[in-house]
Structures are given as structure tokens and as C-alpha cells.
Full PDB file with SEQRES, HELIX, SHEET, SSBOND, CRYST1, ORIGX, SCALE, CONECT and MASTER records, all heavy atoms in Angstrom:
SEQRES   1 A   43  ALA THR LYS GLY ALA ALA ALA HIS GLN THR GLY ALA ALA          
SEQRES   2 A   43  ARG HIS SER LEU ALA THR PRO GLU THR VAL MET SER VAL          
SEQRES   3 A   43  THR PRO ALA ASP HIS THR LEU ASN VAL ASN GLY THR ASP          
SEQRES   4 A   43  ALA ILE ARG VAL                                              
HELIX    1 AA1 THR A    2  LEU A   17  1                                  16    
CRYST1    1.000    1.000    1.000  90.00  90.00  90.00 P 1           1          
ORIGX1      1.000000  0.000000  0.000000        0.00000                         
ORIGX2      0.000000  1.000000  0.000000        0.00000                         
ORIGX3      0.000000  0.000000  1.000000        0.00000                         
SCALE1      1.000000  0.000000  0.000000        0.00000                         
SCALE2      0.000000  1.000000  0.000000        0.00000                         
SCALE3      0.000000  0.000000  1.000000        0.00000                         
ATOM      1  N   ALA A   1     -13.165   9.370 -17.808  1.00  0.00           N  
ATOM      2  CA  ALA A   1     -12.958   8.211 -16.935  1.00  0.00           C  
ATOM      3  C   ALA A   1     -11.680   7.503 -17.298  1.00  0.00           C  
ATOM      4  O   ALA A   1     -10.917   7.046 -16.434  1.00  0.00           O  
ATOM      5  CB  ALA A   1     -14.156   7.270 -17.037  1.00  0.00           C  
ATOM      6  N   THR A   2     -11.429   7.397 -18.592  1.00  0.00           N  
ATOM      7  CA  THR A   2     -10.206   6.728 -19.044  1.00  0.00           C  
ATOM      8  C   THR A   2      -8.981   7.501 -18.595  1.00  0.00           C  
ATOM      9  O   THR A   2      -7.997   6.933 -18.104  1.00  0.00           O  
ATOM     10  CB  THR A   2     -10.204   6.592 -20.576  1.00  0.00           C  
ATOM     11  OG1 THR A   2     -11.350   5.855 -20.954  1.00  0.00           O  
ATOM     12  CG2 THR A   2      -8.956   5.885 -21.056  1.00  0.00           C  
ATOM     13  N   LYS A   3      -9.051   8.858 -18.724  1.00  0.00           N  
ATOM     14  CA  LYS A   3      -7.912   9.671 -18.300  1.00  0.00           C  
ATOM     15  C   LYS A   3      -7.715   9.589 -16.784  1.00  0.00           C  
ATOM     16  O   LYS A   3      -6.593   9.547 -16.289  1.00  0.00           O  
ATOM     17  CB  LYS A   3      -8.139  11.121 -18.709  1.00  0.00           C  
ATOM     18  CG  LYS A   3      -8.046  11.340 -20.212  1.00  0.00           C  
ATOM     19  CD  LYS A   3      -8.317  12.803 -20.550  1.00  0.00           C  
ATOM     20  CE  LYS A   3      -8.226  13.031 -22.055  1.00  0.00           C  
ATOM     21  NZ  LYS A   3      -8.506  14.445 -22.401  1.00  0.00           N  
ATOM     22  N   GLY A   4      -8.859   9.583 -16.018  1.00  0.00           N  
ATOM     23  CA  GLY A   4      -8.747   9.482 -14.557  1.00  0.00           C  
ATOM     24  C   GLY A   4      -8.109   8.180 -14.140  1.00  0.00           C  
ATOM     25  O   GLY A   4      -7.259   8.133 -13.253  1.00  0.00           O  
ATOM     26  N   ALA A   5      -8.543   7.099 -14.792  1.00  0.00           N  
ATOM     27  CA  ALA A   5      -7.953   5.800 -14.482  1.00  0.00           C  
ATOM     28  C   ALA A   5      -6.473   5.800 -14.814  1.00  0.00           C  
ATOM     29  O   ALA A   5      -5.645   5.259 -14.074  1.00  0.00           O  
ATOM     30  CB  ALA A   5      -8.685   4.700 -15.248  1.00  0.00           C  
ATOM     31  N   ALA A   6      -6.147   6.433 -15.922  1.00  0.00           N  
ATOM     32  CA  ALA A   6      -4.737   6.485 -16.317  1.00  0.00           C  
ATOM     33  C   ALA A   6      -3.930   7.299 -15.318  1.00  0.00           C  
ATOM     34  O   ALA A   6      -2.805   6.937 -14.959  1.00  0.00           O  
ATOM     35  CB  ALA A   6      -4.615   7.085 -17.717  1.00  0.00           C  
ATOM     36  N   ALA A   7      -4.515   8.430 -14.866  1.00  0.00           N  
ATOM     37  CA  ALA A   7      -3.806   9.263 -13.887  1.00  0.00           C  
ATOM     38  C   ALA A   7      -3.601   8.506 -12.584  1.00  0.00           C  
ATOM     39  O   ALA A   7      -2.548   8.588 -11.958  1.00  0.00           O  
ATOM     40  CB  ALA A   7      -4.601  10.548 -13.630  1.00  0.00           C  
ATOM     41  N   HIS A   8      -4.643   7.779 -12.136  1.00  0.00           N  
ATOM     42  CA  HIS A   8      -4.521   6.989 -10.912  1.00  0.00           C  
ATOM     43  C   HIS A   8      -3.428   5.941 -11.051  1.00  0.00           C  
ATOM     44  O   HIS A   8      -2.599   5.750 -10.147  1.00  0.00           O  
ATOM     45  CB  HIS A   8      -5.859   6.317 -10.586  1.00  0.00           C  
ATOM     46  CG  HIS A   8      -5.790   5.417  -9.381  1.00  0.00           C  
ATOM     47  ND1 HIS A   8      -5.767   5.894  -8.099  1.00  0.00           N  
ATOM     48  CD2 HIS A   8      -5.738   4.049  -9.304  1.00  0.00           C  
ATOM     49  CE1 HIS A   8      -5.695   4.895  -7.259  1.00  0.00           C  
ATOM     50  NE2 HIS A   8      -5.684   3.760  -7.965  1.00  0.00           N  
ATOM     51  N   GLN A   9      -3.427   5.280 -12.228  1.00  0.00           N  
ATOM     52  CA  GLN A   9      -2.387   4.271 -12.463  1.00  0.00           C  
ATOM     53  C   GLN A   9      -1.017   4.906 -12.491  1.00  0.00           C  
ATOM     54  O   GLN A   9      -0.045   4.354 -11.976  1.00  0.00           O  
ATOM     55  CB  GLN A   9      -2.684   3.535 -13.777  1.00  0.00           C  
ATOM     56  CG  GLN A   9      -3.933   2.653 -13.716  1.00  0.00           C  
ATOM     57  CD  GLN A   9      -4.299   2.089 -15.066  1.00  0.00           C  
ATOM     58  OE1 GLN A   9      -3.662   2.412 -16.074  1.00  0.00           O  
ATOM     59  NE2 GLN A   9      -5.336   1.262 -15.095  1.00  0.00           N  
ATOM     60  N   THR A  10      -0.951   6.141 -13.064  1.00  0.00           N  
ATOM     61  CA  THR A  10       0.344   6.824 -13.117  1.00  0.00           C  
ATOM     62  C   THR A  10       0.815   7.187 -11.719  1.00  0.00           C  
ATOM     63  O   THR A  10       1.983   7.016 -11.374  1.00  0.00           O  
ATOM     64  CB  THR A  10       0.231   8.103 -13.974  1.00  0.00           C  
ATOM     65  OG1 THR A  10      -0.195   7.754 -15.279  1.00  0.00           O  
ATOM     66  CG2 THR A  10       1.567   8.830 -14.038  1.00  0.00           C  
ATOM     67  N   GLY A  11      -0.146   7.725 -10.851  1.00  0.00           N  
ATOM     68  CA  GLY A  11       0.221   8.063  -9.478  1.00  0.00           C  
ATOM     69  C   GLY A  11       0.648   6.847  -8.700  1.00  0.00           C  
ATOM     70  O   GLY A  11       1.637   6.870  -7.970  1.00  0.00           O  
ATOM     71  N   ALA A  12      -0.119   5.757  -8.846  1.00  0.00           N  
ATOM     72  CA  ALA A  12       0.251   4.522  -8.151  1.00  0.00           C  
ATOM     73  C   ALA A  12       1.603   4.033  -8.629  1.00  0.00           C  
ATOM     74  O   ALA A  12       2.435   3.562  -7.835  1.00  0.00           O  
ATOM     75  CB  ALA A  12      -0.825   3.466  -8.399  1.00  0.00           C  
ATOM     76  N   ALA A  13       1.801   4.146  -9.940  1.00  0.00           N  
ATOM     77  CA  ALA A  13       3.094   3.712 -10.483  1.00  0.00           C  
ATOM     78  C   ALA A  13       4.213   4.580  -9.928  1.00  0.00           C  
ATOM     79  O   ALA A  13       5.311   4.089  -9.626  1.00  0.00           O  
ATOM     80  CB  ALA A  13       3.057   3.775 -12.014  1.00  0.00           C  
ATOM     81  N   ARG A  14       3.923   5.923  -9.766  1.00  0.00           N  
ATOM     82  CA  ARG A  14       4.950   6.812  -9.252  1.00  0.00           C  
ATOM     83  C   ARG A  14       5.349   6.400  -7.841  1.00  0.00           C  
ATOM     84  O   ARG A  14       6.527   6.364  -7.491  1.00  0.00           O  
ATOM     85  CB  ARG A  14       4.432   8.251  -9.256  1.00  0.00           C  
ATOM     86  CG  ARG A  14       5.501   9.279  -8.884  1.00  0.00           C  
ATOM     87  CD  ARG A  14       4.921  10.674  -8.743  1.00  0.00           C  
ATOM     88  NE  ARG A  14       4.213  11.082  -9.943  1.00  0.00           N  
ATOM     89  CZ  ARG A  14       2.922  11.340  -9.984  1.00  0.00           C  
ATOM     90  NH1 ARG A  14       2.184  11.216  -8.888  1.00  0.00           N  
ATOM     91  NH2 ARG A  14       2.315  11.694 -11.106  1.00  0.00           N  
ATOM     92  N   HIS A  15       4.307   6.136  -6.985  1.00  0.00           N  
ATOM     93  CA  HIS A  15       4.603   5.718  -5.607  1.00  0.00           C  
ATOM     94  C   HIS A  15       5.331   4.385  -5.589  1.00  0.00           C  
ATOM     95  O   HIS A  15       6.229   4.163  -4.779  1.00  0.00           O  
ATOM     96  CB  HIS A  15       3.308   5.617  -4.789  1.00  0.00           C  
ATOM     97  CG  HIS A  15       2.739   6.953  -4.427  1.00  0.00           C  
ATOM     98  ND1 HIS A  15       3.479   7.931  -3.819  1.00  0.00           N  
ATOM     99  CD2 HIS A  15       1.492   7.470  -4.616  1.00  0.00           C  
ATOM    100  CE1 HIS A  15       2.719   9.009  -3.620  1.00  0.00           C  
ATOM    101  NE2 HIS A  15       1.501   8.748  -4.115  1.00  0.00           N  
ATOM    102  N   SER A  16       4.923   3.489  -6.482  1.00  0.00           N  
ATOM    103  CA  SER A  16       5.545   2.167  -6.477  1.00  0.00           C  
ATOM    104  C   SER A  16       6.974   2.223  -6.984  1.00  0.00           C  
ATOM    105  O   SER A  16       7.812   1.422  -6.586  1.00  0.00           O  
ATOM    106  CB  SER A  16       4.715   1.185  -7.330  1.00  0.00           C  
ATOM    107  OG  SER A  16       4.710   1.605  -8.683  1.00  0.00           O  
ATOM    108  N   LEU A  17       7.253   3.199  -7.860  1.00  0.00           N  
ATOM    109  CA  LEU A  17       8.611   3.317  -8.400  1.00  0.00           C  
ATOM    110  C   LEU A  17       9.522   4.119  -7.477  1.00  0.00           C  
ATOM    111  O   LEU A  17      10.738   3.938  -7.505  1.00  0.00           O  
ATOM    112  CB  LEU A  17       8.560   3.985  -9.790  1.00  0.00           C  
ATOM    113  CG  LEU A  17       7.897   3.152 -10.896  1.00  0.00           C  
ATOM    114  CD1 LEU A  17       7.798   3.977 -12.172  1.00  0.00           C  
ATOM    115  CD2 LEU A  17       8.655   1.861 -11.134  1.00  0.00           C  
ATOM    116  N   ALA A  18       8.936   5.036  -6.630  1.00  0.00           N  
ATOM    117  CA  ALA A  18       9.751   5.849  -5.736  1.00  0.00           C  
ATOM    118  C   ALA A  18      10.363   4.989  -4.639  1.00  0.00           C  
ATOM    119  O   ALA A  18       9.793   3.984  -4.212  1.00  0.00           O  
ATOM    120  CB  ALA A  18       8.889   6.947  -5.110  1.00  0.00           C  
ATOM    121  N   THR A  19      11.556   5.412  -4.186  1.00  0.00           N  
ATOM    122  CA  THR A  19      12.225   4.687  -3.102  1.00  0.00           C  
ATOM    123  C   THR A  19      11.390   4.813  -1.828  1.00  0.00           C  
ATOM    124  O   THR A  19      11.031   5.928  -1.429  1.00  0.00           O  
ATOM    125  CB  THR A  19      13.623   5.270  -2.852  1.00  0.00           C  
ATOM    126  OG1 THR A  19      14.383   5.174  -4.051  1.00  0.00           O  
ATOM    127  CG2 THR A  19      14.324   4.525  -1.723  1.00  0.00           C  
ATOM    128  N   PRO A  20      11.031   3.721  -1.189  1.00  0.00           N  
ATOM    129  CA  PRO A  20      10.213   3.795   0.027  1.00  0.00           C  
ATOM    130  C   PRO A  20      10.889   4.640   1.108  1.00  0.00           C  
ATOM    131  O   PRO A  20      12.122   4.618   1.251  1.00  0.00           O  
ATOM    132  CB  PRO A  20      10.075   2.331   0.455  1.00  0.00           C  
ATOM    133  CG  PRO A  20      10.312   1.550  -0.791  1.00  0.00           C  
ATOM    134  CD  PRO A  20      11.321   2.331  -1.579  1.00  0.00           C  
ATOM    135  N   GLU A  21      10.092   5.378   1.870  1.00  0.00           N  
ATOM    136  CA  GLU A  21      10.593   6.157   3.003  1.00  0.00           C  
ATOM    137  C   GLU A  21      10.830   5.210   4.175  1.00  0.00           C  
ATOM    138  O   GLU A  21      10.112   4.210   4.346  1.00  0.00           O  
ATOM    139  CB  GLU A  21       9.568   7.217   3.390  1.00  0.00           C  
ATOM    140  CG  GLU A  21       9.999   8.154   4.502  1.00  0.00           C  
ATOM    141  CD  GLU A  21      11.090   9.106   4.089  1.00  0.00           C  
ATOM    142  OE1 GLU A  21      12.263   8.637   4.047  1.00  0.00           O  
ATOM    143  OE2 GLU A  21      10.805  10.285   3.804  1.00  0.00           O  
ATOM    144  N   THR A  22      11.843   5.482   4.984  1.00  0.00           N  
ATOM    145  CA  THR A  22      12.109   4.683   6.187  1.00  0.00           C  
ATOM    146  C   THR A  22      12.430   5.609   7.347  1.00  0.00           C  
ATOM    147  O   THR A  22      12.833   6.759   7.164  1.00  0.00           O  
ATOM    148  CB  THR A  22      13.296   3.713   5.983  1.00  0.00           C  
ATOM    149  OG1 THR A  22      14.473   4.468   5.642  1.00  0.00           O  
ATOM    150  CG2 THR A  22      12.999   2.701   4.889  1.00  0.00           C  
ATOM    151  N   VAL A  23      12.222   5.101   8.545  1.00  0.00           N  
ATOM    152  CA  VAL A  23      12.574   5.834   9.767  1.00  0.00           C  
ATOM    153  C   VAL A  23      13.979   5.427  10.181  1.00  0.00           C  
ATOM    154  O   VAL A  23      14.245   4.245  10.440  1.00  0.00           O  
ATOM    155  CB  VAL A  23      11.571   5.543  10.899  1.00  0.00           C  
ATOM    156  CG1 VAL A  23      12.030   6.195  12.196  1.00  0.00           C  
ATOM    157  CG2 VAL A  23      10.182   6.031  10.519  1.00  0.00           C  
ATOM    158  N   MET A  24      14.876   6.393  10.244  1.00  0.00           N  
ATOM    159  CA  MET A  24      16.265   6.117  10.619  1.00  0.00           C  
ATOM    160  C   MET A  24      16.435   6.064  12.137  1.00  0.00           C  
ATOM    161  O   MET A  24      17.162   5.233  12.660  1.00  0.00           O  
ATOM    162  CB  MET A  24      17.187   7.183  10.030  1.00  0.00           C  
ATOM    163  CG  MET A  24      17.066   7.353   8.515  1.00  0.00           C  
ATOM    164  SD  MET A  24      17.435   5.822   7.625  1.00  0.00           S  
ATOM    165  CE  MET A  24      19.186   5.652   7.958  1.00  0.00           C  
ATOM    166  N   SER A  25      15.732   6.954  12.867  1.00  0.00           N  
ATOM    167  CA  SER A  25      15.846   6.966  14.331  1.00  0.00           C  
ATOM    168  C   SER A  25      14.711   7.759  14.943  1.00  0.00           C  
ATOM    169  O   SER A  25      14.134   8.643  14.311  1.00  0.00           O  
ATOM    170  CB  SER A  25      17.186   7.568  14.771  1.00  0.00           C  
ATOM    171  OG  SER A  25      17.256   8.946  14.429  1.00  0.00           O  
ATOM    172  N   VAL A  26      14.391   7.397  16.195  1.00  0.00           N  
ATOM    173  CA  VAL A  26      13.452   8.154  17.027  1.00  0.00           C  
ATOM    174  C   VAL A  26      14.168   8.467  18.328  1.00  0.00           C  
ATOM    175  O   VAL A  26      14.763   7.583  18.948  1.00  0.00           O  
ATOM    176  CB  VAL A  26      12.162   7.358  17.303  1.00  0.00           C  
ATOM    177  CG1 VAL A  26      11.239   8.167  18.221  1.00  0.00           C  
ATOM    178  CG2 VAL A  26      11.443   7.002  16.017  1.00  0.00           C  
ATOM    179  N   THR A  27      14.120   9.724  18.755  1.00  0.00           N  
ATOM    180  CA  THR A  27      14.761  10.152  20.000  1.00  0.00           C  
ATOM    181  C   THR A  27      13.722  10.842  20.886  1.00  0.00           C  
ATOM    182  O   THR A  27      13.046  11.759  20.420  1.00  0.00           O  
ATOM    183  CB  THR A  27      15.918  11.125  19.719  1.00  0.00           C  
ATOM    184  OG1 THR A  27      16.836  10.529  18.806  1.00  0.00           O  
ATOM    185  CG2 THR A  27      16.656  11.484  21.006  1.00  0.00           C  
ATOM    186  N   PRO A  28      13.568  10.381  22.143  1.00  0.00           N  
ATOM    187  CA  PRO A  28      14.268   9.308  22.846  1.00  0.00           C  
ATOM    188  C   PRO A  28      14.026   7.942  22.193  1.00  0.00           C  
ATOM    189  O   PRO A  28      12.957   7.696  21.639  1.00  0.00           O  
ATOM    190  CB  PRO A  28      13.675   9.350  24.255  1.00  0.00           C  
ATOM    191  CG  PRO A  28      13.096  10.724  24.393  1.00  0.00           C  
ATOM    192  CD  PRO A  28      12.605  11.084  23.039  1.00  0.00           C  
ATOM    193  N   ALA A  29      15.037   7.084  22.293  1.00  0.00           N  
ATOM    194  CA  ALA A  29      14.949   5.771  21.671  1.00  0.00           C  
ATOM    195  C   ALA A  29      13.898   4.903  22.350  1.00  0.00           C  
ATOM    196  O   ALA A  29      13.482   5.159  23.489  1.00  0.00           O  
ATOM    197  CB  ALA A  29      16.312   5.088  21.727  1.00  0.00           C  
ATOM    198  N   ASP A  30      13.475   3.872  21.630  1.00  0.00           N  
ATOM    199  CA  ASP A  30      12.457   2.964  22.146  1.00  0.00           C  
ATOM    200  C   ASP A  30      12.895   2.362  23.475  1.00  0.00           C  
ATOM    201  O   ASP A  30      14.045   1.939  23.641  1.00  0.00           O  
ATOM    202  CB  ASP A  30      12.215   1.851  21.118  1.00  0.00           C  
ATOM    203  CG  ASP A  30      10.952   1.050  21.416  1.00  0.00           C  
ATOM    204  OD1 ASP A  30      10.044   1.586  22.081  1.00  0.00           O  
ATOM    205  OD2 ASP A  30      10.873  -0.105  20.958  1.00  0.00           O  
ATOM    206  N   HIS A  31      11.986   2.358  24.457  1.00  0.00           N  
ATOM    207  CA  HIS A  31      12.178   1.784  25.786  1.00  0.00           C  
ATOM    208  C   HIS A  31      13.183   2.562  26.652  1.00  0.00           C  
ATOM    209  O   HIS A  31      13.700   2.031  27.633  1.00  0.00           O  
ATOM    210  CB  HIS A  31      12.609   0.308  25.701  1.00  0.00           C  
ATOM    211  CG  HIS A  31      11.531  -0.580  25.187  1.00  0.00           C  
ATOM    212  ND1 HIS A  31      11.458  -0.981  23.865  1.00  0.00           N  
ATOM    213  CD2 HIS A  31      10.449  -1.121  25.799  1.00  0.00           C  
ATOM    214  CE1 HIS A  31      10.399  -1.740  23.686  1.00  0.00           C  
ATOM    215  NE2 HIS A  31       9.767  -1.838  24.844  1.00  0.00           N  
ATOM    216  N   THR A  32      13.442   3.837  26.310  1.00  0.00           N  
ATOM    217  CA  THR A  32      14.306   4.655  27.152  1.00  0.00           C  
ATOM    218  C   THR A  32      13.576   5.026  28.441  1.00  0.00           C  
ATOM    219  O   THR A  32      12.391   5.359  28.424  1.00  0.00           O  
ATOM    220  CB  THR A  32      14.730   5.937  26.418  1.00  0.00           C  
ATOM    221  OG1 THR A  32      15.445   5.586  25.236  1.00  0.00           O  
ATOM    222  CG2 THR A  32      15.630   6.807  27.291  1.00  0.00           C  
ATOM    223  N   LEU A  33      14.294   4.973  29.559  1.00  0.00           N  
ATOM    224  CA  LEU A  33      13.727   5.304  30.869  1.00  0.00           C  
ATOM    225  C   LEU A  33      14.279   6.644  31.363  1.00  0.00           C  
ATOM    226  O   LEU A  33      15.300   7.118  30.884  1.00  0.00           O  
ATOM    227  CB  LEU A  33      14.053   4.213  31.886  1.00  0.00           C  
ATOM    228  CG  LEU A  33      13.639   2.784  31.529  1.00  0.00           C  
ATOM    229  CD1 LEU A  33      14.096   1.822  32.627  1.00  0.00           C  
ATOM    230  CD2 LEU A  33      12.142   2.681  31.318  1.00  0.00           C  
ATOM    231  N   ASN A  34      13.602   7.225  32.341  1.00  0.00           N  
ATOM    232  CA  ASN A  34      14.061   8.421  33.044  1.00  0.00           C  
ATOM    233  C   ASN A  34      14.324   9.596  32.117  1.00  0.00           C  
ATOM    234  O   ASN A  34      15.312  10.328  32.256  1.00  0.00           O  
ATOM    235  CB  ASN A  34      15.320   8.112  33.861  1.00  0.00           C  
ATOM    236  CG  ASN A  34      15.081   7.061  34.915  1.00  0.00           C  
ATOM    237  OD1 ASN A  34      14.057   7.090  35.595  1.00  0.00           O  
ATOM    238  ND2 ASN A  34      16.007   6.123  35.053  1.00  0.00           N  
ATOM    239  N   VAL A  35      13.413   9.793  31.164  1.00  0.00           N  
ATOM    240  CA  VAL A  35      13.541  10.903  30.222  1.00  0.00           C  
ATOM    241  C   VAL A  35      13.024  12.192  30.863  1.00  0.00           C  
ATOM    242  O   VAL A  35      12.024  12.182  31.578  1.00  0.00           O  
ATOM    243  CB  VAL A  35      12.743  10.597  28.930  1.00  0.00           C  
ATOM    244  CG1 VAL A  35      12.700  11.815  28.005  1.00  0.00           C  
ATOM    245  CG2 VAL A  35      13.344   9.399  28.218  1.00  0.00           C  
ATOM    246  N   ASN A  36      13.707  13.303  30.619  1.00  0.00           N  
ATOM    247  CA  ASN A  36      13.212  14.612  31.025  1.00  0.00           C  
ATOM    248  C   ASN A  36      11.989  14.922  30.179  1.00  0.00           C  
ATOM    249  O   ASN A  36      12.061  15.003  28.950  1.00  0.00           O  
ATOM    250  CB  ASN A  36      14.302  15.667  30.810  1.00  0.00           C  
ATOM    251  CG  ASN A  36      13.903  17.050  31.326  1.00  0.00           C  
ATOM    252  OD1 ASN A  36      12.778  17.491  31.165  1.00  0.00           O  
ATOM    253  ND2 ASN A  36      14.854  17.739  31.938  1.00  0.00           N  
ATOM    254  N   GLY A  37      10.848  15.082  30.812  1.00  0.00           N  
ATOM    255  CA  GLY A  37       9.594  15.240  30.090  1.00  0.00           C  
ATOM    256  C   GLY A  37       9.470  16.497  29.266  1.00  0.00           C  
ATOM    257  O   GLY A  37       8.501  16.656  28.521  1.00  0.00           O  
ATOM    258  N   THR A  38      10.414  17.423  29.387  1.00  0.00           N  
ATOM    259  CA  THR A  38      10.373  18.650  28.590  1.00  0.00           C  
ATOM    260  C   THR A  38      11.286  18.576  27.376  1.00  0.00           C  
ATOM    261  O   THR A  38      11.354  19.541  26.610  1.00  0.00           O  
ATOM    262  CB  THR A  38      10.768  19.868  29.448  1.00  0.00           C  
ATOM    263  OG1 THR A  38      12.122  19.704  29.914  1.00  0.00           O  
ATOM    264  CG2 THR A  38       9.851  20.008  30.647  1.00  0.00           C  
ATOM    265  N   ASP A  39      11.992  17.456  27.203  1.00  0.00           N  
ATOM    266  CA  ASP A  39      12.902  17.321  26.065  1.00  0.00           C  
ATOM    267  C   ASP A  39      12.128  17.211  24.756  1.00  0.00           C  
ATOM    268  O   ASP A  39      10.981  16.741  24.724  1.00  0.00           O  
ATOM    269  CB  ASP A  39      13.783  16.081  26.224  1.00  0.00           C  
ATOM    270  CG  ASP A  39      14.854  16.264  27.290  1.00  0.00           C  
ATOM    271  OD1 ASP A  39      15.048  17.407  27.743  1.00  0.00           O  
ATOM    272  OD2 ASP A  39      15.483  15.262  27.673  1.00  0.00           O  
ATOM    273  N   ALA A  40      12.776  17.621  23.658  1.00  0.00           N  
ATOM    274  CA  ALA A  40      12.169  17.498  22.326  1.00  0.00           C  
ATOM    275  C   ALA A  40      12.132  16.035  21.902  1.00  0.00           C  
ATOM    276  O   ALA A  40      12.972  15.226  22.316  1.00  0.00           O  
ATOM    277  CB  ALA A  40      12.964  18.306  21.317  1.00  0.00           C  
ATOM    278  N   ILE A  41      11.132  15.687  21.099  1.00  0.00           N  
ATOM    279  CA  ILE A  41      11.025  14.357  20.494  1.00  0.00           C  
ATOM    280  C   ILE A  41      11.410  14.504  19.024  1.00  0.00           C  
ATOM    281  O   ILE A  41      10.814  15.321  18.311  1.00  0.00           O  
ATOM    282  CB  ILE A  41       9.604  13.800  20.633  1.00  0.00           C  
ATOM    283  CG1 ILE A  41       9.238  13.654  22.116  1.00  0.00           C  
ATOM    284  CG2 ILE A  41       9.466  12.454  19.909  1.00  0.00           C  
ATOM    285  CD1 ILE A  41       7.784  13.310  22.358  1.00  0.00           C  
ATOM    286  N   ARG A  42      12.397  13.736  18.570  1.00  0.00           N  
ATOM    287  CA  ARG A  42      12.929  13.913  17.214  1.00  0.00           C  
ATOM    288  C   ARG A  42      12.815  12.615  16.411  1.00  0.00           C  
ATOM    289  O   ARG A  42      13.072  11.527  16.936  1.00  0.00           O  
ATOM    290  CB  ARG A  42      14.387  14.365  17.278  1.00  0.00           C  
ATOM    291  CG  ARG A  42      15.045  14.578  15.924  1.00  0.00           C  
ATOM    292  CD  ARG A  42      16.405  15.223  16.050  1.00  0.00           C  
ATOM    293  NE  ARG A  42      16.302  16.598  16.536  1.00  0.00           N  
ATOM    294  CZ  ARG A  42      17.293  17.489  16.428  1.00  0.00           C  
ATOM    295  NH1 ARG A  42      18.435  17.147  15.863  1.00  0.00           N  
ATOM    296  NH2 ARG A  42      17.137  18.717  16.893  1.00  0.00           N  
ATOM    297  N   VAL A  43      12.410  12.752  15.134  1.00  0.00           N  
ATOM    298  CA  VAL A  43      12.315  11.608  14.224  1.00  0.00           C  
ATOM    299  C   VAL A  43      13.117  11.951  12.964  1.00  0.00           C  
ATOM    300  O   VAL A  43      12.913  13.007  12.359  1.00  0.00           O  
ATOM    301  CB  VAL A  43      10.854  11.296  13.851  1.00  0.00           C  
ATOM    302  CG1 VAL A  43      10.798  10.052  12.956  1.00  0.00           C  
ATOM    303  CG2 VAL A  43      10.002  11.093  15.099  1.00  0.00           C  
TER     304      VAL A  43                                                      
MASTER        0    0    0    1    0    0    0    6  303    1    0    4          
END                                                                             
């Protein structure tokens, strides 16, 4: 139990120390009109 708690704390610490992920862009952009419905959606 002690090791599990330590591992959980280590994982949480890893996530907290890692640089947060962010979304740079979504295509088609938000509120875009008249999109061709067969186009790819890219993030």
C-alpha cells in the first residue's frame, strides 16, 4: 500500500511537472461557414 501510494504520488507529480498540452489550432476554424462536408478535420 505504501509503495502504491508512492507510485500514485510519483505519477501525479510527473503529470504536474510535465508541460501542459495545449491545442494550437482546429481546422476548420471555430464558427467557419460553408465548409465542404468531405474535408478532413485537423487538430
